[in-house]
Amino acid sequence: MADDHDFHGTHPASPGPDAVPVRWTPVQRHPEAARVRGYTCECLALVFEDCRAGGQGFIRRYDRSVKPWAIAESPKVRVSEAETLWRQLINGEAR
């Protein structure tokens, strides 16, 4: 039988005191279609998705601690910059 941790996704580290703030923009309607390249564990109230759309990258954040869920997105940037931001979020270097 599999252990419980086998069914969990990535858990981002808690942001450190020097974590870079991200300029999150609330999504007012339905989020635009995007290809999700990575995501954090669904067992947490705050879920992140590493997204691509229109040749650009961005991070989508779902705050499921509120009803309805609050959805926000990072600025759309070059894919390499989005990959860096994704690593920073996962490592607790951005918030």
PDB file of N, CA and C in Angstrom:
ATOM      1  N   MET A   1       0.840  -1.181   0.000  1.00  0.00           N
ATOM      2  CA  MET A   1       0.000   0.000   0.000  1.00  0.00           C
ATOM      3  C   MET A   1       0.885   1.244   0.000  1.00  0.00           C
ATOM      4  N   ALA A   2       0.481   2.247  -0.768  1.00  0.00           N
ATOM      5  CA  ALA A   2       1.279   3.465  -0.907  1.00  0.00           C
ATOM      6  C   ALA A   2       1.154   4.342   0.339  1.00  0.00           C
ATOM      7  N   ASP A   3       2.226   5.064   0.640  1.00  0.00           N
ATOM      8  CA  ASP A   3       2.182   6.031   1.735  1.00  0.00           C
ATOM      9  C   ASP A   3       1.394   7.254   1.291  1.00  0.00           C
ATOM     10  N   ASP A   4       0.858   8.003   2.265  1.00  0.00           N
ATOM     11  CA  ASP A   4       0.075   9.196   1.943  1.00  0.00           C
ATOM     12  C   ASP A   4       0.859  10.202   1.113  1.00  0.00           C
ATOM     13  N   HIS A   5       2.155  10.347   1.395  1.00  0.00           N
ATOM     14  CA  HIS A   5       2.935  11.361   0.680  1.00  0.00           C
ATOM     15  C   HIS A   5       3.057  11.050  -0.808  1.00  0.00           C
ATOM     16  N   ASP A   6       2.773   9.830  -1.215  1.00  0.00           N
ATOM     17  CA  ASP A   6       2.841   9.478  -2.628  1.00  0.00           C
ATOM     18  C   ASP A   6       1.764  10.184  -3.445  1.00  0.00           C
ATOM     19  N   PHE A   7       0.737  10.691  -2.787  1.00  0.00           N
ATOM     20  CA  PHE A   7      -0.377  11.310  -3.490  1.00  0.00           C
ATOM     21  C   PHE A   7      -0.348  12.832  -3.407  1.00  0.00           C
ATOM     22  N   HIS A   8       0.702  13.388  -2.856  1.00  0.00           N
ATOM     23  CA  HIS A   8       0.793  14.833  -2.711  1.00  0.00           C
ATOM     24  C   HIS A   8       1.705  15.416  -3.778  1.00  0.00           C
ATOM     25  N   GLY A   9       1.394  16.656  -4.160  1.00  0.00           N
ATOM     26  CA  GLY A   9       2.243  17.387  -5.080  1.00  0.00           C
ATOM     27  C   GLY A   9       3.294  18.165  -4.297  1.00  0.00           C
ATOM     28  N   THR A  10       3.919  19.088  -4.976  1.00  0.00           N
ATOM     29  CA  THR A  10       4.957  19.914  -4.376  1.00  0.00           C
ATOM     30  C   THR A  10       4.370  20.846  -3.326  1.00  0.00           C
ATOM     31  N   HIS A  11       5.009  20.905  -2.170  1.00  0.00           N
ATOM     32  CA  HIS A  11       4.646  21.864  -1.128  1.00  0.00           C
ATOM     33  C   HIS A  11       5.697  22.971  -1.150  1.00  0.00           C
ATOM     34  N   PRO A  12       5.300  24.212  -1.459  1.00  0.00           N
ATOM     35  CA  PRO A  12       6.297  25.284  -1.459  1.00  0.00           C
ATOM     36  C   PRO A  12       6.795  25.555  -0.042  1.00  0.00           C
ATOM     37  N   ALA A  13       8.037  25.980   0.053  1.00  0.00           N
ATOM     38  CA  ALA A  13       8.602  26.362   1.347  1.00  0.00           C
ATOM     39  C   ALA A  13       7.934  27.652   1.815  1.00  0.00           C
ATOM     40  N   SER A  14       7.872  27.852   3.120  1.00  0.00           N
ATOM     41  CA  SER A  14       7.328  29.104   3.659  1.00  0.00           C
ATOM     42  C   SER A  14       8.239  30.250   3.242  1.00  0.00           C
ATOM     43  N   PRO A  15       7.648  31.384   2.853  1.00  0.00           N
ATOM     44  CA  PRO A  15       8.481  32.521   2.443  1.00  0.00           C
ATOM     45  C   PRO A  15       9.384  32.984   3.580  1.00  0.00           C
ATOM     46  N   GLY A  16      10.622  33.218   3.246  1.00  0.00           N
ATOM     47  CA  GLY A  16      11.583  33.710   4.225  1.00  0.00           C
ATOM     48  C   GLY A  16      11.447  35.214   4.404  1.00  0.00           C
ATOM     49  N   PRO A  17      12.175  35.781   5.378  1.00  0.00           N
ATOM     50  CA  PRO A  17      12.076  37.223   5.640  1.00  0.00           C
ATOM     51  C   PRO A  17      12.561  38.078   4.469  1.00  0.00           C
ATOM     52  N   ASP A  18      13.427  37.538   3.646  1.00  0.00           N
ATOM     53  CA  ASP A  18      13.942  38.288   2.495  1.00  0.00           C
ATOM     54  C   ASP A  18      13.219  37.931   1.203  1.00  0.00           C
ATOM     55  N   ALA A  19      12.066  37.273   1.305  1.00  0.00           N
ATOM     56  CA  ALA A  19      11.329  36.845   0.109  1.00  0.00           C
ATOM     57  C   ALA A  19      10.903  38.055  -0.717  1.00  0.00           C
ATOM     58  N   VAL A  20      11.067  37.932  -2.014  1.00  0.00           N
ATOM     59  CA  VAL A  20      10.709  38.995  -2.956  1.00  0.00           C
ATOM     60  C   VAL A  20       9.182  39.056  -3.085  1.00  0.00           C
ATOM     61  N   PRO A  21       8.579  40.243  -2.919  1.00  0.00           N
ATOM     62  CA  PRO A  21       7.128  40.327  -3.106  1.00  0.00           C
ATOM     63  C   PRO A  21       6.769  40.249  -4.590  1.00  0.00           C
ATOM     64  N   VAL A  22       5.701  39.536  -4.892  1.00  0.00           N
ATOM     65  CA  VAL A  22       5.199  39.414  -6.262  1.00  0.00           C
ATOM     66  C   VAL A  22       4.031  40.384  -6.409  1.00  0.00           C
ATOM     67  N   ARG A  23       3.940  41.051  -7.533  1.00  0.00           N
ATOM     68  CA  ARG A  23       2.816  41.961  -7.786  1.00  0.00           C
ATOM     69  C   ARG A  23       1.636  41.140  -8.314  1.00  0.00           C
ATOM     70  N   TRP A  24       0.813  40.619  -7.413  1.00  0.00           N
ATOM     71  CA  TRP A  24      -0.334  39.800  -7.796  1.00  0.00           C
ATOM     72  C   TRP A  24      -1.471  40.696  -8.255  1.00  0.00           C
ATOM     73  N   THR A  25      -2.058  40.366  -9.399  1.00  0.00           N
ATOM     74  CA  THR A  25      -3.206  41.098  -9.934  1.00  0.00           C
ATOM     75  C   THR A  25      -4.429  40.199  -9.847  1.00  0.00           C
ATOM     76  N   PRO A  26      -5.481  40.655  -9.148  1.00  0.00           N
ATOM     77  CA  PRO A  26      -6.686  39.827  -9.045  1.00  0.00           C
ATOM     78  C   PRO A  26      -7.315  39.566 -10.414  1.00  0.00           C
ATOM     79  N   VAL A  27      -7.814  38.357 -10.600  1.00  0.00           N
ATOM     80  CA  VAL A  27      -8.542  37.992 -11.819  1.00  0.00           C
ATOM     81  C   VAL A  27     -10.015  38.247 -11.524  1.00  0.00           C
ATOM     82  N   GLN A  28     -10.628  39.169 -12.279  1.00  0.00           N
ATOM     83  CA  GLN A  28     -12.001  39.577 -11.992  1.00  0.00           C
ATOM     84  C   GLN A  28     -13.040  38.593 -12.514  1.00  0.00           C
ATOM     85  N   ARG A  29     -12.772  37.984 -13.634  1.00  0.00           N
ATOM     86  CA  ARG A  29     -13.713  37.038 -14.229  1.00  0.00           C
ATOM     87  C   ARG A  29     -13.060  35.669 -14.268  1.00  0.00           C
ATOM     88  N   HIS A  30     -13.408  34.879 -15.246  1.00  0.00           N
ATOM     89  CA  HIS A  30     -12.768  33.570 -15.390  1.00  0.00           C
ATOM     90  C   HIS A  30     -11.348  33.772 -15.905  1.00  0.00           C
ATOM     91  N   PRO A  31     -10.397  33.022 -15.368  1.00  0.00           N
ATOM     92  CA  PRO A  31      -9.026  33.155 -15.866  1.00  0.00           C
ATOM     93  C   PRO A  31      -8.934  32.734 -17.334  1.00  0.00           C
ATOM     94  N   GLU A  32      -8.032  33.384 -18.075  1.00  0.00           N
ATOM     95  CA  GLU A  32      -7.848  33.021 -19.482  1.00  0.00           C
ATOM     96  C   GLU A  32      -7.240  31.624 -19.585  1.00  0.00           C
ATOM     97  N   ALA A  33      -7.468  31.009 -20.723  1.00  0.00           N
ATOM     98  CA  ALA A  33      -6.916  29.671 -20.956  1.00  0.00           C
ATOM     99  C   ALA A  33      -5.391  29.744 -20.954  1.00  0.00           C
ATOM    100  N   ALA A  34      -4.776  28.791 -20.304  1.00  0.00           N
ATOM    101  CA  ALA A  34      -3.319  28.732 -20.237  1.00  0.00           C
ATOM    102  C   ALA A  34      -2.909  27.277 -20.090  1.00  0.00           C
ATOM    103  N   ARG A  35      -1.710  26.991 -20.559  1.00  0.00           N
ATOM    104  CA  ARG A  35      -1.149  25.654 -20.369  1.00  0.00           C
ATOM    105  C   ARG A  35      -0.461  25.642 -19.007  1.00  0.00           C
ATOM    106  N   VAL A  36      -0.856  24.727 -18.158  1.00  0.00           N
ATOM    107  CA  VAL A  36      -0.277  24.623 -16.818  1.00  0.00           C
ATOM    108  C   VAL A  36       0.914  23.672 -16.878  1.00  0.00           C
ATOM    109  N   ARG A  37       2.086  24.208 -16.579  1.00  0.00           N
ATOM    110  CA  ARG A  37       3.330  23.431 -16.651  1.00  0.00           C
ATOM    111  C   ARG A  37       3.686  22.782 -15.319  1.00  0.00           C
ATOM    112  N   GLY A  38       3.177  23.331 -14.238  1.00  0.00           N
ATOM    113  CA  GLY A  38       3.449  22.793 -12.911  1.00  0.00           C
ATOM    114  C   GLY A  38       2.441  23.359 -11.934  1.00  0.00           C
ATOM    115  N   TYR A  39       2.326  22.711 -10.788  1.00  0.00           N
ATOM    116  CA  TYR A  39       1.367  23.176  -9.783  1.00  0.00           C
ATOM    117  C   TYR A  39       1.807  22.673  -8.419  1.00  0.00           C
ATOM    118  N   THR A  40       1.302  23.343  -7.385  1.00  0.00           N
ATOM    119  CA  THR A  40       1.601  22.916  -6.024  1.00  0.00           C
ATOM    120  C   THR A  40       0.470  22.035  -5.513  1.00  0.00           C
ATOM    121  N   CYS A  41       0.681  21.453  -4.364  1.00  0.00           N
ATOM    122  CA  CYS A  41      -0.231  20.453  -3.811  1.00  0.00           C
ATOM    123  C   CYS A  41      -1.625  21.014  -3.543  1.00  0.00           C
ATOM    124  N   GLU A  42      -2.619  20.238  -3.904  1.00  0.00           N
ATOM    125  CA  GLU A  42      -4.024  20.604  -3.704  1.00  0.00           C
ATOM    126  C   GLU A  42      -4.451  20.520  -2.244  1.00  0.00           C
ATOM    127  N   CYS A  43      -3.635  19.957  -1.370  1.00  0.00           N
ATOM    128  CA  CYS A  43      -4.043  19.833   0.032  1.00  0.00           C
ATOM    129  C   CYS A  43      -3.870  21.147   0.788  1.00  0.00           C
ATOM    130  N   LEU A  44      -3.224  22.129   0.175  1.00  0.00           N
ATOM    131  CA  LEU A  44      -3.003  23.421   0.817  1.00  0.00           C
ATOM    132  C   LEU A  44      -4.084  24.421   0.407  1.00  0.00           C
ATOM    133  N   ALA A  45      -4.314  25.423   1.248  1.00  0.00           N
ATOM    134  CA  ALA A  45      -5.313  26.451   0.929  1.00  0.00           C
ATOM    135  C   ALA A  45      -4.818  27.372  -0.186  1.00  0.00           C
ATOM    136  N   LEU A  46      -3.508  27.565  -0.281  1.00  0.00           N
ATOM    137  CA  LEU A  46      -2.919  28.418  -1.311  1.00  0.00           C
ATOM    138  C   LEU A  46      -2.270  27.512  -2.354  1.00  0.00           C
ATOM    139  N   VAL A  47      -2.786  27.569  -3.582  1.00  0.00           N
ATOM    140  CA  VAL A  47      -2.298  26.711  -4.666  1.00  0.00           C
ATOM    141  C   VAL A  47      -1.745  27.598  -5.774  1.00  0.00           C
ATOM    142  N   PHE A  48      -0.586  27.231  -6.305  1.00  0.00           N
ATOM    143  CA  PHE A  48       0.042  27.968  -7.394  1.00  0.00           C
ATOM    144  C   PHE A  48       0.099  27.103  -8.642  1.00  0.00           C
ATOM    145  N   GLU A  49      -0.035  27.752  -9.817  1.00  0.00           N
ATOM    146  CA  GLU A  49       0.132  27.083 -11.106  1.00  0.00           C
ATOM    147  C   GLU A  49       1.169  27.846 -11.915  1.00  0.00           C
ATOM    148  N   ASP A  50       2.069  27.123 -12.536  1.00  0.00           N
ATOM    149  CA  ASP A  50       3.084  27.672 -13.436  1.00  0.00           C
ATOM    150  C   ASP A  50       2.477  27.627 -14.838  1.00  0.00           C
ATOM    151  N   CYS A  51       2.119  28.784 -15.400  1.00  0.00           N
ATOM    152  CA  CYS A  51       1.311  28.853 -16.627  1.00  0.00           C
ATOM    153  C   CYS A  51       2.072  29.451 -17.810  1.00  0.00           C
ATOM    154  N   ARG A  52       1.622  29.067 -19.010  1.00  0.00           N
ATOM    155  CA  ARG A  52       2.112  29.628 -20.268  1.00  0.00           C
ATOM    156  C   ARG A  52       0.913  29.977 -21.141  1.00  0.00           C
ATOM    157  N   ALA A  53       0.988  31.131 -21.782  1.00  0.00           N
ATOM    158  CA  ALA A  53      -0.053  31.548 -22.725  1.00  0.00           C
ATOM    159  C   ALA A  53       0.522  32.629 -23.631  1.00  0.00           C
ATOM    160  N   GLY A  54       0.254  32.527 -24.902  1.00  0.00           N
ATOM    161  CA  GLY A  54       0.695  33.549 -25.846  1.00  0.00           C
ATOM    162  C   GLY A  54       2.192  33.768 -25.868  1.00  0.00           C
ATOM    163  N   GLY A  55       2.978  32.721 -25.654  1.00  0.00           N
ATOM    164  CA  GLY A  55       4.429  32.847 -25.683  1.00  0.00           C
ATOM    165  C   GLY A  55       5.023  33.458 -24.425  1.00  0.00           C
ATOM    166  N   GLN A  56       4.208  33.682 -23.415  1.00  0.00           N
ATOM    167  CA  GLN A  56       4.687  34.260 -22.168  1.00  0.00           C
ATOM    168  C   GLN A  56       4.403  33.313 -21.007  1.00  0.00           C
ATOM    169  N   GLY A  57       5.030  33.591 -19.881  1.00  0.00           N
ATOM    170  CA  GLY A  57       4.814  32.789 -18.687  1.00  0.00           C
ATOM    171  C   GLY A  57       4.306  33.647 -17.551  1.00  0.00           C
ATOM    172  N   PHE A  58       3.581  33.029 -16.630  1.00  0.00           N
ATOM    173  CA  PHE A  58       3.093  33.712 -15.436  1.00  0.00           C
ATOM    174  C   PHE A  58       2.704  32.663 -14.410  1.00  0.00           C
ATOM    175  N   ILE A  59       2.500  33.109 -13.189  1.00  0.00           N
ATOM    176  CA  ILE A  59       2.076  32.231 -12.106  1.00  0.00           C
ATOM    177  C   ILE A  59       0.650  32.619 -11.736  1.00  0.00           C
ATOM    178  N   ARG A  60      -0.195  31.620 -11.596  1.00  0.00           N
ATOM    179  CA  ARG A  60      -1.576  31.847 -11.152  1.00  0.00           C
ATOM    180  C   ARG A  60      -1.676  31.340  -9.714  1.00  0.00           C
ATOM    181  N   ARG A  61      -2.311  32.150  -8.861  1.00  0.00           N
ATOM    182  CA  ARG A  61      -2.440  31.812  -7.440  1.00  0.00           C
ATOM    183  C   ARG A  61      -3.916  31.701  -7.070  1.00  0.00           C
ATOM    184  N   TYR A  62      -4.270  30.597  -6.433  1.00  0.00           N
ATOM    185  CA  TYR A  62      -5.634  30.377  -5.942  1.00  0.00           C
ATOM    186  C   TYR A  62      -5.596  30.415  -4.420  1.00  0.00           C
ATOM    187  N   ASP A  63      -6.332  31.350  -3.823  1.00  0.00           N
ATOM    188  CA  ASP A  63      -6.463  31.390  -2.365  1.00  0.00           C
ATOM    189  C   ASP A  63      -7.800  30.755  -2.024  1.00  0.00           C
ATOM    190  N   ARG A  64      -7.752  29.513  -1.576  1.00  0.00           N
ATOM    191  CA  ARG A  64      -8.975  28.760  -1.313  1.00  0.00           C
ATOM    192  C   ARG A  64      -9.417  28.878   0.140  1.00  0.00           C
ATOM    193  N   SER A  65      -8.800  29.804   0.890  1.00  0.00           N
ATOM    194  CA  SER A  65      -9.210  30.024   2.274  1.00  0.00           C
ATOM    195  C   SER A  65     -10.416  30.953   2.347  1.00  0.00           C
ATOM    196  N   VAL A  66     -10.793  31.542   1.220  1.00  0.00           N
ATOM    197  CA  VAL A  66     -11.944  32.451   1.158  1.00  0.00           C
ATOM    198  C   VAL A  66     -12.956  31.906   0.158  1.00  0.00           C
ATOM    199  N   LYS A  67     -14.208  32.310   0.330  1.00  0.00           N
ATOM    200  CA  LYS A  67     -15.275  31.921  -0.602  1.00  0.00           C
ATOM    201  C   LYS A  67     -15.839  33.181  -1.221  1.00  0.00           C
ATOM    202  N   PRO A  68     -15.983  33.291  -2.520  1.00  0.00           N
ATOM    203  CA  PRO A  68     -15.399  32.391  -3.511  1.00  0.00           C
ATOM    204  C   PRO A  68     -13.874  32.521  -3.507  1.00  0.00           C
ATOM    205  N   TRP A  69     -13.232  31.521  -4.093  1.00  0.00           N
ATOM    206  CA  TRP A  69     -11.776  31.541  -4.136  1.00  0.00           C
ATOM    207  C   TRP A  69     -11.276  32.839  -4.758  1.00  0.00           C
ATOM    208  N   ALA A  70     -10.192  33.361  -4.226  1.00  0.00           N
ATOM    209  CA  ALA A  70      -9.544  34.541  -4.797  1.00  0.00           C
ATOM    210  C   ALA A  70      -8.463  34.055  -5.763  1.00  0.00           C
ATOM    211  N   ILE A  71      -8.575  34.479  -7.015  1.00  0.00           N
ATOM    212  CA  ILE A  71      -7.610  34.079  -8.043  1.00  0.00           C
ATOM    213  C   ILE A  71      -6.819  35.316  -8.441  1.00  0.00           C
ATOM    214  N   ALA A  72      -5.506  35.183  -8.489  1.00  0.00           N
ATOM    215  CA  ALA A  72      -4.636  36.290  -8.883  1.00  0.00           C
ATOM    216  C   ALA A  72      -3.530  35.743  -9.778  1.00  0.00           C
ATOM    217  N   GLU A  73      -2.944  36.648 -10.561  1.00  0.00           N
ATOM    218  CA  GLU A  73      -1.858  36.253 -11.462  1.00  0.00           C
ATOM    219  C   GLU A  73      -0.685  37.203 -11.319  1.00  0.00           C
ATOM    220  N   SER A  74       0.503  36.644 -11.507  1.00  0.00           N
ATOM    221  CA  SER A  74       1.707  37.462 -11.559  1.00  0.00           C
ATOM    222  C   SER A  74       1.727  38.166 -12.918  1.00  0.00           C
ATOM    223  N   PRO A  75       2.592  39.151 -13.087  1.00  0.00           N
ATOM    224  CA  PRO A  75       2.725  39.761 -14.409  1.00  0.00           C
ATOM    225  C   PRO A  75       3.155  38.718 -15.446  1.00  0.00           C
ATOM    226  N   LYS A  76       2.703  38.897 -16.672  1.00  0.00           N
ATOM    227  CA  LYS A  76       3.121  38.021 -17.776  1.00  0.00           C
ATOM    228  C   LYS A  76       4.492  38.499 -18.249  1.00  0.00           C
ATOM    229  N   VAL A  77       5.433  37.568 -18.270  1.00  0.00           N
ATOM    230  CA  VAL A  77       6.824  37.897 -18.583  1.00  0.00           C
ATOM    231  C   VAL A  77       7.399  36.844 -19.524  1.00  0.00           C
ATOM    232  N   ARG A  78       8.659  37.038 -19.916  1.00  0.00           N
ATOM    233  CA  ARG A  78       9.331  36.008 -20.717  1.00  0.00           C
ATOM    234  C   ARG A  78       9.319  34.699 -19.946  1.00  0.00           C
ATOM    235  N   VAL A  79       9.289  33.605 -20.683  1.00  0.00           N
ATOM    236  CA  VAL A  79       9.209  32.280 -20.061  1.00  0.00           C
ATOM    237  C   VAL A  79      10.362  32.062 -19.078  1.00  0.00           C
ATOM    238  N   SER A  80      11.563  32.482 -19.427  1.00  0.00           N
ATOM    239  CA  SER A  80      12.711  32.277 -18.527  1.00  0.00           C
ATOM    240  C   SER A  80      12.510  33.017 -17.200  1.00  0.00           C
ATOM    241  N   GLU A  81      11.912  34.203 -17.245  1.00  0.00           N
ATOM    242  CA  GLU A  81      11.639  34.951 -16.015  1.00  0.00           C
ATOM    243  C   GLU A  81      10.558  34.261 -15.190  1.00  0.00           C
ATOM    244  N   ALA A  82       9.549  33.711 -15.859  1.00  0.00           N
ATOM    245  CA  ALA A  82       8.485  32.987 -15.156  1.00  0.00           C
ATOM    246  C   ALA A  82       9.048  31.731 -14.491  1.00  0.00           C
ATOM    247  N   GLU A  83       9.971  31.055 -15.159  1.00  0.00           N
ATOM    248  CA  GLU A  83      10.599  29.863 -14.572  1.00  0.00           C
ATOM    249  C   GLU A  83      11.384  30.231 -13.315  1.00  0.00           C
ATOM    250  N   THR A  84      12.059  31.378 -13.358  1.00  0.00           N
ATOM    251  CA  THR A  84      12.794  31.851 -12.182  1.00  0.00           C
ATOM    252  C   THR A  84      11.830  32.152 -11.041  1.00  0.00           C
ATOM    253  N   LEU A  85      10.731  32.839 -11.337  1.00  0.00           N
ATOM    254  CA  LEU A  85       9.738  33.158 -10.310  1.00  0.00           C
ATOM    255  C   LEU A  85       9.145  31.882  -9.720  1.00  0.00           C
ATOM    256  N   TRP A  86       8.860  30.900 -10.564  1.00  0.00           N
ATOM    257  CA  TRP A  86       8.318  29.628 -10.078  1.00  0.00           C
ATOM    258  C   TRP A  86       9.278  28.990  -9.066  1.00  0.00           C
ATOM    259  N   ARG A  87      10.566  28.929  -9.410  1.00  0.00           N
ATOM    260  CA  ARG A  87      11.559  28.356  -8.494  1.00  0.00           C
ATOM    261  C   ARG A  87      11.625  29.155  -7.192  1.00  0.00           C
ATOM    262  N   GLN A  88      11.549  30.485  -7.301  1.00  0.00           N
ATOM    263  CA  GLN A  88      11.582  31.324  -6.101  1.00  0.00           C
ATOM    264  C   GLN A  88      10.385  31.032  -5.192  1.00  0.00           C
ATOM    265  N   LEU A  89       9.192  30.892  -5.777  1.00  0.00           N
ATOM    266  CA  LEU A  89       8.006  30.578  -4.971  1.00  0.00           C
ATOM    267  C   LEU A  89       8.145  29.220  -4.290  1.00  0.00           C
ATOM    268  N   ILE A  90       8.601  28.234  -5.030  1.00  0.00           N
ATOM    269  CA  ILE A  90       8.752  26.885  -4.486  1.00  0.00           C
ATOM    270  C   ILE A  90       9.793  26.861  -3.366  1.00  0.00           C
ATOM    271  N   ASN A  91      10.848  27.655  -3.509  1.00  0.00           N
ATOM    272  CA  ASN A  91      11.932  27.670  -2.522  1.00  0.00           C
ATOM    273  C   ASN A  91      11.709  28.658  -1.380  1.00  0.00           C
ATOM    274  N   GLY A  92      10.573  29.359  -1.364  1.00  0.00           N
ATOM    275  CA  GLY A  92      10.287  30.330  -0.308  1.00  0.00           C
ATOM    276  C   GLY A  92      11.033  31.635  -0.468  1.00  0.00           C
ATOM    277  N   GLU A  93      11.517  31.911  -1.686  1.00  0.00           N
ATOM    278  CA  GLU A  93      12.274  33.133  -1.948  1.00  0.00           C
ATOM    279  C   GLU A  93      11.398  34.237  -2.529  1.00  0.00           C
ATOM    280  N   ALA A  94      10.112  33.954  -2.756  1.00  0.00           N
ATOM    281  CA  ALA A  94       9.143  34.943  -3.246  1.00  0.00           C
ATOM    282  C   ALA A  94       7.832  34.685  -2.526  1.00  0.00           C
ATOM    283  N   ARG A  95       7.013  35.719  -2.450  1.00  0.00           N
ATOM    284  CA  ARG A  95       5.710  35.566  -1.793  1.00  0.00           C
ATOM    285  C   ARG A  95       4.636  36.330  -2.530  1.00  0.00           C
TER     286      ARG A  95
END
